[in-house]
Amino acid sequence: MTHCILLGAPIDEGQRRPGCLMGPAAYRVAGLAQTLTALSHQVEDRGDVQPGPAPDATCANPAVHHLPQMIAWTEALRDATAQALQDGFPIIMGGDHALALGTVAGAAIHAQRQDRPLFVIWLDAHSDIHTVETTTSGNLHGTPIAYALGLPGFDPFPRFPHPVPGQNICMFGIRSVDPAEHAALLAIDITVNDMRVLDEQGIVAPLRAFLNRVRAANGMLHVSLDVDFLDPSIAPAVGTTVPGGATFREAHLVMELLHESGLVTSLDLVELNSFLDERGRTAKLMVDLVGSLMGRKVFDRPTRSF
């Protein structure tokens, strides 16, 4: 039995399409707590994280928006995640992917306290390796990986605690990378399993290879699951749809393999925009995937009424 700690992160400020702030409520309505309880886990919902006052902060890049608010969210989520990791298994319900600026920082703090390396698996269509200086969209949901790596270009954000080495990061399912991000990836030793790799090698071999490295290092594994990792035909409730994503079966296989590894210590659920959903189908699918991550087997899946 796992002590699962739910943390809401109703963040909309990391991008420009409103609706992600409804994500935590959508996960609660879709039965996330009930799914975990049915799997015999203990569930503690700590409510939505409340950021402190936004600092008086500016940066040289005029494209960046909501910088003070994102700094406040990063600090609040860093502290809430680090605390939750001391007490159990945090599941952070977003909110756009900018929340990972804080959650991965909190996981890094906890891993350092445990004297264990932190590993990150990034289930996403995008590499999110821009910095505050390099982003042309100004959307800070495209920067968490660069922040976790400890790359320069993040003033006036707080310094990332204990940066994650590139070889400890695995991008899985990416398929939309701009030229600047591509150049950054070539310069850093990150495991990039894009959809071409997954089409050629399948899901299992690349994922197990990364999990074996985590296990060999006695690492802690933070999973960041973006709705756009999934194909938009099954998960329409996201403002950054990219065709060719993971299928229903592929996504569940990833979750089951992660569960069987026994290595996952924290989880982000990001970019759910319930305003774009169809009768809650994306929220329900994401909850179903969490069920697979937490021990539900393929033959335990309930029959749907739609």
C-alpha atoms as a PDB file:
ATOM      1  CA  MET A   1       0.000   0.000   0.000  1.00  0.00           C
ATOM      2  CA  THR A   2       1.288   3.425  -0.984  1.00  0.00           C
ATOM      3  CA  HIS A   3       0.478   6.696   0.768  1.00  0.00           C
ATOM      4  CA  CYS A   4      -0.565   8.807  -2.225  1.00  0.00           C
ATOM      5  CA  ILE A   5      -0.585  12.563  -1.655  1.00  0.00           C
ATOM      6  CA  LEU A   6      -2.642  14.608  -4.109  1.00  0.00           C
ATOM      7  CA  LEU A   7      -1.503  18.173  -4.745  1.00  0.00           C
ATOM      8  CA  GLY A   8      -3.486  20.481  -6.996  1.00  0.00           C
ATOM      9  CA  ALA A   9      -1.541  22.920  -9.158  1.00  0.00           C
ATOM     10  CA  PRO A  10      -4.103  25.081 -11.011  1.00  0.00           C
ATOM     11  CA  ILE A  11      -1.559  26.841 -13.217  1.00  0.00           C
ATOM     12  CA  ASP A  12      -2.527  28.591 -16.442  1.00  0.00           C
ATOM     13  CA  GLU A  13       0.303  31.116 -16.598  1.00  0.00           C
ATOM     14  CA  GLY A  14       2.878  28.912 -18.342  1.00  0.00           C
ATOM     15  CA  GLN A  15       1.099  29.204 -21.706  1.00  0.00           C
ATOM     16  CA  ARG A  16      -1.568  31.334 -23.356  1.00  0.00           C
ATOM     17  CA  ARG A  17      -4.630  29.119 -23.777  1.00  0.00           C
ATOM     18  CA  PRO A  18      -6.856  29.336 -20.696  1.00  0.00           C
ATOM     19  CA  GLY A  19      -8.324  26.222 -19.138  1.00  0.00           C
ATOM     20  CA  CYS A  20      -5.497  24.251 -17.485  1.00  0.00           C
ATOM     21  CA  LEU A  21      -6.320  25.787 -14.124  1.00  0.00           C
ATOM     22  CA  MET A  22      -9.424  23.555 -14.111  1.00  0.00           C
ATOM     23  CA  GLY A  23      -7.261  20.435 -14.257  1.00  0.00           C
ATOM     24  CA  PRO A  24      -7.097  19.603 -10.538  1.00  0.00           C
ATOM     25  CA  ALA A  25     -10.877  19.814 -10.209  1.00  0.00           C
ATOM     26  CA  ALA A  26     -11.309  17.636 -13.311  1.00  0.00           C
ATOM     27  CA  TYR A  27      -9.070  14.919 -11.870  1.00  0.00           C
ATOM     28  CA  ARG A  28     -11.023  14.953  -8.639  1.00  0.00           C
ATOM     29  CA  VAL A  29     -14.353  14.731 -10.481  1.00  0.00           C
ATOM     30  CA  ALA A  30     -12.982  11.947 -12.724  1.00  0.00           C
ATOM     31  CA  GLY A  31     -12.346   9.841  -9.626  1.00  0.00           C
ATOM     32  CA  LEU A  32      -8.584   9.877  -9.135  1.00  0.00           C
ATOM     33  CA  ALA A  33      -8.825   9.385  -5.364  1.00  0.00           C
ATOM     34  CA  GLN A  34     -11.435   6.646  -5.737  1.00  0.00           C
ATOM     35  CA  THR A  35      -9.295   4.824  -8.317  1.00  0.00           C
ATOM     36  CA  LEU A  36      -6.314   4.830  -5.975  1.00  0.00           C
ATOM     37  CA  THR A  37      -8.418   3.737  -3.002  1.00  0.00           C
ATOM     38  CA  ALA A  38      -9.860   0.846  -5.019  1.00  0.00           C
ATOM     39  CA  LEU A  39      -6.275  -0.312  -5.590  1.00  0.00           C
ATOM     40  CA  SER A  40      -5.802  -0.398  -1.787  1.00  0.00           C
ATOM     41  CA  HIS A  41      -3.675   2.729  -1.615  1.00  0.00           C
ATOM     42  CA  GLN A  42      -4.060   5.333   1.087  1.00  0.00           C
ATOM     43  CA  VAL A  43      -5.053   8.726  -0.324  1.00  0.00           C
ATOM     44  CA  GLU A  44      -4.488  12.145   1.213  1.00  0.00           C
ATOM     45  CA  ASP A  45      -5.706  15.139  -0.770  1.00  0.00           C
ATOM     46  CA  ARG A  46      -3.836  18.202   0.460  1.00  0.00           C
ATOM     47  CA  GLY A  47      -5.882  20.505  -1.734  1.00  0.00           C
ATOM     48  CA  ASP A  48      -4.493  23.026  -4.167  1.00  0.00           C
ATOM     49  CA  VAL A  49      -1.063  24.530  -3.556  1.00  0.00           C
ATOM     50  CA  GLN A  50      -1.233  28.266  -2.877  1.00  0.00           C
ATOM     51  CA  PRO A  51       1.660  30.351  -4.224  1.00  0.00           C
ATOM     52  CA  GLY A  52       3.052  33.204  -2.186  1.00  0.00           C
ATOM     53  CA  PRO A  53       3.065  36.809  -3.352  1.00  0.00           C
ATOM     54  CA  ALA A  54       4.547  37.271  -6.813  1.00  0.00           C
ATOM     55  CA  PRO A  55       7.950  38.972  -6.619  1.00  0.00           C
ATOM     56  CA  ASP A  56       8.795  42.152  -8.479  1.00  0.00           C
ATOM     57  CA  ALA A  57      10.777  40.353 -11.183  1.00  0.00           C
ATOM     58  CA  THR A  58      11.667  41.128 -14.785  1.00  0.00           C
ATOM     59  CA  CYS A  59      13.886  39.577 -17.462  1.00  0.00           C
ATOM     60  CA  ALA A  60      15.578  40.728 -20.662  1.00  0.00           C
ATOM     61  CA  ASN A  61      13.373  38.620 -22.954  1.00  0.00           C
ATOM     62  CA  PRO A  62      10.288  40.688 -23.876  1.00  0.00           C
ATOM     63  CA  ALA A  63       8.372  37.599 -25.035  1.00  0.00           C
ATOM     64  CA  VAL A  64       8.180  36.113 -21.541  1.00  0.00           C
ATOM     65  CA  HIS A  65       4.855  36.589 -19.793  1.00  0.00           C
ATOM     66  CA  HIS A  66       3.672  35.951 -16.211  1.00  0.00           C
ATOM     67  CA  LEU A  67       7.257  35.737 -14.961  1.00  0.00           C
ATOM     68  CA  PRO A  68       6.557  36.904 -11.367  1.00  0.00           C
ATOM     69  CA  GLN A  69       3.622  34.527 -11.019  1.00  0.00           C
ATOM     70  CA  MET A  70       5.658  31.584 -12.312  1.00  0.00           C
ATOM     71  CA  ILE A  71       8.471  32.271  -9.874  1.00  0.00           C
ATOM     72  CA  ALA A  72       5.947  32.235  -7.033  1.00  0.00           C
ATOM     73  CA  TRP A  73       4.411  28.981  -8.294  1.00  0.00           C
ATOM     74  CA  THR A  74       7.849  27.390  -8.704  1.00  0.00           C
ATOM     75  CA  GLU A  75       8.853  28.147  -5.136  1.00  0.00           C
ATOM     76  CA  ALA A  76       5.525  26.957  -3.707  1.00  0.00           C
ATOM     77  CA  LEU A  77       5.477  23.707  -5.677  1.00  0.00           C
ATOM     78  CA  ARG A  78       9.154  23.032  -4.947  1.00  0.00           C
ATOM     79  CA  ASP A  79       8.483  23.182  -1.222  1.00  0.00           C
ATOM     80  CA  ALA A  80       5.152  21.301  -1.377  1.00  0.00           C
ATOM     81  CA  THR A  81       6.643  18.487  -3.462  1.00  0.00           C
ATOM     82  CA  ALA A  82       9.726  18.107  -1.279  1.00  0.00           C
ATOM     83  CA  GLN A  83       7.510  17.928   1.811  1.00  0.00           C
ATOM     84  CA  ALA A  84       5.120  15.436   0.227  1.00  0.00           C
ATOM     85  CA  LEU A  85       8.024  13.182  -0.777  1.00  0.00           C
ATOM     86  CA  GLN A  86       9.039  12.974   2.860  1.00  0.00           C
ATOM     87  CA  ASP A  87       5.537  11.735   3.676  1.00  0.00           C
ATOM     88  CA  GLY A  88       4.594   9.567   0.701  1.00  0.00           C
ATOM     89  CA  PHE A  89       4.070   9.470  -3.055  1.00  0.00           C
ATOM     90  CA  PRO A  90       3.056  12.877  -4.449  1.00  0.00           C
ATOM     91  CA  ILE A  91       0.765  13.124  -7.454  1.00  0.00           C
ATOM     92  CA  ILE A  92       0.692  16.704  -8.709  1.00  0.00           C
ATOM     93  CA  MET A  93      -2.481  17.474 -10.620  1.00  0.00           C
ATOM     94  CA  GLY A  94      -1.964  20.281 -13.121  1.00  0.00           C
ATOM     95  CA  GLY A  95      -2.113  22.774 -14.512  1.00  0.00           C
ATOM     96  CA  ASP A  96       0.231  23.392 -17.432  1.00  0.00           C
ATOM     97  CA  HIS A  97       3.718  21.894 -17.678  1.00  0.00           C
ATOM     98  CA  ALA A  98       5.362  24.945 -16.127  1.00  0.00           C
ATOM     99  CA  LEU A  99       4.449  23.329 -12.813  1.00  0.00           C
ATOM    100  CA  ALA A 100       7.396  20.967 -13.344  1.00  0.00           C
ATOM    101  CA  LEU A 101       9.740  23.908 -12.719  1.00  0.00           C
ATOM    102  CA  GLY A 102       8.729  23.440  -9.102  1.00  0.00           C
ATOM    103  CA  THR A 103       7.932  19.738  -8.826  1.00  0.00           C
ATOM    104  CA  VAL A 104      11.220  18.491 -10.284  1.00  0.00           C
ATOM    105  CA  ALA A 105      13.077  20.972  -8.055  1.00  0.00           C
ATOM    106  CA  GLY A 106      11.266  19.552  -5.036  1.00  0.00           C
ATOM    107  CA  ALA A 107      12.089  16.009  -6.117  1.00  0.00           C
ATOM    108  CA  ALA A 108      15.750  17.002  -6.527  1.00  0.00           C
ATOM    109  CA  ILE A 109      15.831  18.391  -2.986  1.00  0.00           C
ATOM    110  CA  HIS A 110      14.347  15.191  -1.575  1.00  0.00           C
ATOM    111  CA  ALA A 111      16.674  12.945  -3.585  1.00  0.00           C
ATOM    112  CA  GLN A 112      19.671  14.885  -2.280  1.00  0.00           C
ATOM    113  CA  ARG A 113      18.427  14.458   1.288  1.00  0.00           C
ATOM    114  CA  GLN A 114      18.188  10.711   0.668  1.00  0.00           C
ATOM    115  CA  ASP A 115      21.660  10.685  -0.922  1.00  0.00           C
ATOM    116  CA  ARG A 116      20.184   9.137  -4.073  1.00  0.00           C
ATOM    117  CA  PRO A 117      20.310  10.361  -7.678  1.00  0.00           C
ATOM    118  CA  LEU A 118      17.168  11.755  -9.274  1.00  0.00           C
ATOM    119  CA  PHE A 119      16.026  10.478 -12.659  1.00  0.00           C
ATOM    120  CA  VAL A 120      13.250  12.013 -14.762  1.00  0.00           C
ATOM    121  CA  ILE A 121      11.119  10.473 -17.501  1.00  0.00           C
ATOM    122  CA  TRP A 122       9.433  13.078 -19.686  1.00  0.00           C
ATOM    123  CA  LEU A 123       6.307  11.654 -21.362  1.00  0.00           C
ATOM    124  CA  ASP A 124       5.568  14.498 -23.736  1.00  0.00           C
ATOM    125  CA  ALA A 125       5.292  15.540 -27.381  1.00  0.00           C
ATOM    126  CA  HIS A 126       7.741  18.383 -26.687  1.00  0.00           C
ATOM    127  CA  SER A 127      11.264  18.532 -25.308  1.00  0.00           C
ATOM    128  CA  ASP A 128      10.654  21.651 -23.149  1.00  0.00           C
ATOM    129  CA  ILE A 129      14.336  22.586 -23.163  1.00  0.00           C
ATOM    130  CA  HIS A 130      14.073  26.332 -23.786  1.00  0.00           C
ATOM    131  CA  THR A 131      15.290  28.803 -21.178  1.00  0.00           C
ATOM    132  CA  VAL A 132      13.833  32.117 -20.079  1.00  0.00           C
ATOM    133  CA  GLU A 133      16.350  33.758 -22.398  1.00  0.00           C
ATOM    134  CA  THR A 134      15.778  31.572 -25.476  1.00  0.00           C
ATOM    135  CA  THR A 135      12.003  31.113 -25.570  1.00  0.00           C
ATOM    136  CA  THR A 136      10.443  32.946 -28.495  1.00  0.00           C
ATOM    137  CA  SER A 137       6.860  32.143 -27.512  1.00  0.00           C
ATOM    138  CA  GLY A 138       7.405  33.379 -23.956  1.00  0.00           C
ATOM    139  CA  ASN A 139       5.520  30.327 -22.686  1.00  0.00           C
ATOM    140  CA  LEU A 140       7.372  29.012 -19.652  1.00  0.00           C
ATOM    141  CA  HIS A 141       5.765  25.571 -19.904  1.00  0.00           C
ATOM    142  CA  GLY A 142       8.479  24.985 -22.515  1.00  0.00           C
ATOM    143  CA  THR A 143      11.372  25.436 -20.070  1.00  0.00           C
ATOM    144  CA  PRO A 144      11.299  22.828 -17.227  1.00  0.00           C
ATOM    145  CA  ILE A 145      13.892  20.430 -18.656  1.00  0.00           C
ATOM    146  CA  ALA A 146      16.426  23.204 -19.200  1.00  0.00           C
ATOM    147  CA  TYR A 147      15.790  24.404 -15.644  1.00  0.00           C
ATOM    148  CA  ALA A 148      16.248  20.897 -14.224  1.00  0.00           C
ATOM    149  CA  LEU A 149      19.549  20.578 -16.089  1.00  0.00           C
ATOM    150  CA  GLY A 150      20.768  23.730 -14.373  1.00  0.00           C
ATOM    151  CA  LEU A 151      21.341  25.525 -17.680  1.00  0.00           C
ATOM    152  CA  PRO A 152      22.079  29.252 -17.608  1.00  0.00           C
ATOM    153  CA  GLY A 153      19.431  31.702 -18.735  1.00  0.00           C
ATOM    154  CA  PHE A 154      16.948  31.444 -15.872  1.00  0.00           C
ATOM    155  CA  ASP A 155      17.465  34.697 -14.023  1.00  0.00           C
ATOM    156  CA  PRO A 156      15.583  35.797 -11.953  1.00  0.00           C
ATOM    157  CA  PHE A 157      14.311  32.292 -11.039  1.00  0.00           C
ATOM    158  CA  PRO A 158      15.808  30.738  -7.919  1.00  0.00           C
ATOM    159  CA  ARG A 159      18.789  28.554  -8.744  1.00  0.00           C
ATOM    160  CA  PHE A 160      17.743  24.951  -9.431  1.00  0.00           C
ATOM    161  CA  PRO A 161      18.754  22.815  -6.441  1.00  0.00           C
ATOM    162  CA  HIS A 162      21.055  19.924  -7.329  1.00  0.00           C
ATOM    163  CA  PRO A 163      20.736  19.935 -11.162  1.00  0.00           C
ATOM    164  CA  VAL A 164      19.797  16.659 -12.824  1.00  0.00           C
ATOM    165  CA  PRO A 165      22.529  15.243 -15.114  1.00  0.00           C
ATOM    166  CA  GLY A 166      21.449  14.895 -18.709  1.00  0.00           C
ATOM    167  CA  GLN A 167      22.031  11.145 -18.705  1.00  0.00           C
ATOM    168  CA  ASN A 168      19.443  10.875 -15.904  1.00  0.00           C
ATOM    169  CA  ILE A 169      16.687  12.281 -18.124  1.00  0.00           C
ATOM    170  CA  CYS A 170      14.685  10.244 -20.618  1.00  0.00           C
ATOM    171  CA  MET A 171      12.377  11.907 -23.132  1.00  0.00           C
ATOM    172  CA  PHE A 172       9.771   9.451 -24.299  1.00  0.00           C
ATOM    173  CA  GLY A 173       7.414  10.026 -27.217  1.00  0.00           C
ATOM    174  CA  ILE A 174       8.561  13.484 -28.290  1.00  0.00           C
ATOM    175  CA  ARG A 175       7.678  14.552 -31.816  1.00  0.00           C
ATOM    176  CA  SER A 176       7.659  18.366 -31.881  1.00  0.00           C
ATOM    177  CA  VAL A 177      11.054  20.026 -31.397  1.00  0.00           C
ATOM    178  CA  ASP A 178      12.031  23.434 -32.759  1.00  0.00           C
ATOM    179  CA  PRO A 179      15.538  24.100 -34.177  1.00  0.00           C
ATOM    180  CA  ALA A 180      16.890  25.760 -31.006  1.00  0.00           C
ATOM    181  CA  GLU A 181      15.690  22.855 -28.864  1.00  0.00           C
ATOM    182  CA  HIS A 182      17.165  20.361 -31.324  1.00  0.00           C
ATOM    183  CA  ALA A 183      20.543  22.059 -31.053  1.00  0.00           C
ATOM    184  CA  ALA A 184      20.331  22.011 -27.253  1.00  0.00           C
ATOM    185  CA  LEU A 185      19.505  18.290 -27.249  1.00  0.00           C
ATOM    186  CA  LEU A 186      22.500  17.529 -29.467  1.00  0.00           C
ATOM    187  CA  ALA A 187      24.778  19.286 -26.983  1.00  0.00           C
ATOM    188  CA  ILE A 188      23.530  17.381 -23.919  1.00  0.00           C
ATOM    189  CA  ASP A 189      23.642  13.677 -23.124  1.00  0.00           C
ATOM    190  CA  ILE A 190      19.884  13.106 -22.781  1.00  0.00           C
ATOM    191  CA  THR A 191      18.154   9.866 -23.754  1.00  0.00           C
ATOM    192  CA  VAL A 192      15.730  10.888 -26.491  1.00  0.00           C
ATOM    193  CA  ASN A 193      13.209   8.210 -27.427  1.00  0.00           C
ATOM    194  CA  ASP A 194      11.163  10.065 -30.014  1.00  0.00           C
ATOM    195  CA  MET A 195       8.276   8.466 -31.876  1.00  0.00           C
ATOM    196  CA  ARG A 196      10.658   7.267 -34.619  1.00  0.00           C
ATOM    197  CA  VAL A 197      12.588   5.268 -32.013  1.00  0.00           C
ATOM    198  CA  LEU A 198       9.377   3.879 -30.541  1.00  0.00           C
ATOM    199  CA  ASP A 199       8.037   2.972 -33.987  1.00  0.00           C
ATOM    200  CA  GLU A 200      11.241   1.096 -34.814  1.00  0.00           C
ATOM    201  CA  GLN A 201      12.014  -0.507 -31.453  1.00  0.00           C
ATOM    202  CA  GLY A 202       8.632  -0.611 -29.735  1.00  0.00           C
ATOM    203  CA  ILE A 203       7.816   0.654 -26.248  1.00  0.00           C
ATOM    204  CA  VAL A 204       9.367  -2.030 -24.092  1.00  0.00           C
ATOM    205  CA  ALA A 205      13.071  -2.159 -25.008  1.00  0.00           C
ATOM    206  CA  PRO A 206      13.843   1.590 -24.756  1.00  0.00           C
ATOM    207  CA  LEU A 207      11.866   1.988 -21.550  1.00  0.00           C
ATOM    208  CA  ARG A 208      13.404  -1.037 -19.853  1.00  0.00           C
ATOM    209  CA  ALA A 209      16.886   0.122 -20.831  1.00  0.00           C
ATOM    210  CA  PHE A 210      16.310   3.426 -19.023  1.00  0.00           C
ATOM    211  CA  LEU A 211      14.667   1.767 -16.018  1.00  0.00           C
ATOM    212  CA  ASN A 212      17.614  -0.596 -15.702  1.00  0.00           C
ATOM    213  CA  ARG A 213      19.914   2.429 -15.403  1.00  0.00           C
ATOM    214  CA  VAL A 214      17.702   3.926 -12.709  1.00  0.00           C
ATOM    215  CA  ARG A 215      17.733   0.658 -10.789  1.00  0.00           C
ATOM    216  CA  ALA A 216      21.490   0.214 -11.097  1.00  0.00           C
ATOM    217  CA  ALA A 217      22.031   3.680  -9.619  1.00  0.00           C
ATOM    218  CA  ASN A 218      19.483   3.176  -6.805  1.00  0.00           C
ATOM    219  CA  GLY A 219      17.762   6.239  -8.238  1.00  0.00           C
ATOM    220  CA  MET A 220      14.489   7.957  -7.487  1.00  0.00           C
ATOM    221  CA  LEU A 221      12.266   8.386 -10.567  1.00  0.00           C
ATOM    222  CA  HIS A 222      10.032  11.381 -11.222  1.00  0.00           C
ATOM    223  CA  VAL A 223       7.457  10.829 -13.982  1.00  0.00           C
ATOM    224  CA  SER A 224       6.042  13.841 -15.797  1.00  0.00           C
ATOM    225  CA  LEU A 225       3.022  12.858 -17.899  1.00  0.00           C
ATOM    226  CA  ASP A 226       1.757  15.435 -20.380  1.00  0.00           C
ATOM    227  CA  VAL A 227      -1.641  14.892 -22.005  1.00  0.00           C
ATOM    228  CA  ASP A 228      -0.039  15.558 -25.390  1.00  0.00           C
ATOM    229  CA  PHE A 229       2.111  12.438 -24.969  1.00  0.00           C
ATOM    230  CA  LEU A 230      -1.113  10.736 -26.028  1.00  0.00           C
ATOM    231  CA  ASP A 231      -2.540  10.853 -29.512  1.00  0.00           C
ATOM    232  CA  PRO A 232      -5.143  13.636 -29.747  1.00  0.00           C
ATOM    233  CA  SER A 233      -7.683  11.163 -31.132  1.00  0.00           C
ATOM    234  CA  ILE A 234      -7.945   9.637 -27.655  1.00  0.00           C
ATOM    235  CA  ALA A 235      -6.978  12.691 -25.568  1.00  0.00           C
ATOM    236  CA  PRO A 236      -8.367  15.884 -27.125  1.00  0.00           C
ATOM    237  CA  ALA A 237      -8.248  18.025 -23.970  1.00  0.00           C
ATOM    238  CA  VAL A 238      -4.916  19.743 -24.534  1.00  0.00           C
ATOM    239  CA  GLY A 239      -3.986  23.025 -26.179  1.00  0.00           C
ATOM    240  CA  THR A 240      -0.792  21.662 -27.763  1.00  0.00           C
ATOM    241  CA  THR A 241      -2.010  18.706 -29.829  1.00  0.00           C
ATOM    242  CA  VAL A 242       0.523  16.935 -32.045  1.00  0.00           C
ATOM    243  CA  PRO A 243      -0.617  14.002 -34.230  1.00  0.00           C
ATOM    244  CA  GLY A 244       1.068  10.647 -33.914  1.00  0.00           C
ATOM    245  CA  GLY A 245       1.133  10.276 -30.149  1.00  0.00           C
ATOM    246  CA  ALA A 246       0.921   7.194 -27.965  1.00  0.00           C
ATOM    247  CA  THR A 247      -2.111   4.973 -28.445  1.00  0.00           C
ATOM    248  CA  PHE A 248      -4.349   3.797 -25.622  1.00  0.00           C
ATOM    249  CA  ARG A 249      -2.560   0.462 -25.460  1.00  0.00           C
ATOM    250  CA  GLU A 250       0.944   1.945 -25.725  1.00  0.00           C
ATOM    251  CA  ALA A 251       0.264   4.420 -22.930  1.00  0.00           C
ATOM    252  CA  HIS A 252      -1.073   1.744 -20.614  1.00  0.00           C
ATOM    253  CA  LEU A 253       1.908  -0.467 -21.380  1.00  0.00           C
ATOM    254  CA  VAL A 254       4.256   2.375 -20.384  1.00  0.00           C
ATOM    255  CA  MET A 255       2.363   2.806 -17.115  1.00  0.00           C
ATOM    256  CA  GLU A 256       2.348  -0.916 -16.338  1.00  0.00           C
ATOM    257  CA  LEU A 257       6.079  -1.199 -16.985  1.00  0.00           C
ATOM    258  CA  LEU A 258       6.713   1.786 -14.726  1.00  0.00           C
ATOM    259  CA  HIS A 259       4.646   0.142 -11.996  1.00  0.00           C
ATOM    260  CA  GLU A 260       6.423  -3.192 -12.338  1.00  0.00           C
ATOM    261  CA  SER A 261       9.796  -1.446 -12.010  1.00  0.00           C
ATOM    262  CA  GLY A 262       8.949  -0.253  -8.499  1.00  0.00           C
ATOM    263  CA  LEU A 263      11.114   2.812  -9.133  1.00  0.00           C
ATOM    264  CA  VAL A 264       8.619   5.664  -9.475  1.00  0.00           C
ATOM    265  CA  THR A 265       8.596   8.055  -6.505  1.00  0.00           C
ATOM    266  CA  SER A 266       6.573  11.043  -7.784  1.00  0.00           C
ATOM    267  CA  LEU A 267       4.219  11.926 -10.640  1.00  0.00           C
ATOM    268  CA  ASP A 268       3.087  15.023 -12.565  1.00  0.00           C
ATOM    269  CA  LEU A 269      -0.183  15.098 -14.515  1.00  0.00           C
ATOM    270  CA  VAL A 270      -0.020  18.138 -16.783  1.00  0.00           C
ATOM    271  CA  GLU A 271      -1.671  20.140 -19.560  1.00  0.00           C
ATOM    272  CA  LEU A 272      -5.212  18.804 -19.072  1.00  0.00           C
ATOM    273  CA  ASN A 273      -7.509  21.549 -20.353  1.00  0.00           C
ATOM    274  CA  SER A 274     -10.982  20.329 -19.446  1.00  0.00           C
ATOM    275  CA  PHE A 275     -12.539  23.196 -21.415  1.00  0.00           C
ATOM    276  CA  LEU A 276     -11.367  21.331 -24.543  1.00  0.00           C
ATOM    277  CA  ASP A 277     -12.480  17.888 -23.359  1.00  0.00           C
ATOM    278  CA  GLU A 278     -15.355  15.741 -24.610  1.00  0.00           C
ATOM    279  CA  ARG A 279     -17.563  14.678 -21.713  1.00  0.00           C
ATOM    280  CA  GLY A 280     -14.492  14.220 -19.537  1.00  0.00           C
ATOM    281  CA  ARG A 281     -12.953  11.493 -21.692  1.00  0.00           C
ATOM    282  CA  THR A 282      -9.370  12.814 -21.417  1.00  0.00           C
ATOM    283  CA  ALA A 283      -9.582  13.281 -17.653  1.00  0.00           C
ATOM    284  CA  LYS A 284     -10.949   9.754 -17.294  1.00  0.00           C
ATOM    285  CA  LEU A 285      -8.188   8.346 -19.502  1.00  0.00           C
ATOM    286  CA  MET A 286      -5.505  10.106 -17.475  1.00  0.00           C
ATOM    287  CA  VAL A 287      -7.014   8.729 -14.256  1.00  0.00           C
ATOM    288  CA  ASP A 288      -7.099   5.280 -15.859  1.00  0.00           C
ATOM    289  CA  LEU A 289      -3.408   5.627 -16.709  1.00  0.00           C
ATOM    290  CA  VAL A 290      -2.617   6.529 -13.112  1.00  0.00           C
ATOM    291  CA  GLY A 291      -4.469   3.359 -12.149  1.00  0.00           C
ATOM    292  CA  SER A 292      -2.103   1.340 -14.362  1.00  0.00           C
ATOM    293  CA  LEU A 293       0.906   3.139 -12.887  1.00  0.00           C
ATOM    294  CA  MET A 294      -0.317   2.237  -9.415  1.00  0.00           C
ATOM    295  CA  GLY A 295      -0.962  -1.429 -10.048  1.00  0.00           C
ATOM    296  CA  ARG A 296      -4.070  -2.032 -12.136  1.00  0.00           C
ATOM    297  CA  LYS A 297      -3.496  -4.755 -14.724  1.00  0.00           C
ATOM    298  CA  VAL A 298      -4.861  -4.779 -18.246  1.00  0.00           C
ATOM    299  CA  PHE A 299      -7.465  -7.397 -17.383  1.00  0.00           C
ATOM    300  CA  ASP A 300      -8.721  -5.314 -14.443  1.00  0.00           C
ATOM    301  CA  ARG A 301      -9.849  -2.443 -16.658  1.00  0.00           C
ATOM    302  CA  PRO A 302     -13.562  -1.663 -16.289  1.00  0.00           C
ATOM    303  CA  THR A 303     -15.920  -1.692 -19.249  1.00  0.00           C
ATOM    304  CA  ARG A 304     -16.829   1.824 -20.346  1.00  0.00           C
ATOM    305  CA  SER A 305     -20.311   3.044 -21.199  1.00  0.00           C
ATOM    306  CA  PHE A 306     -19.082   5.065 -24.214  1.00  0.00           C
END
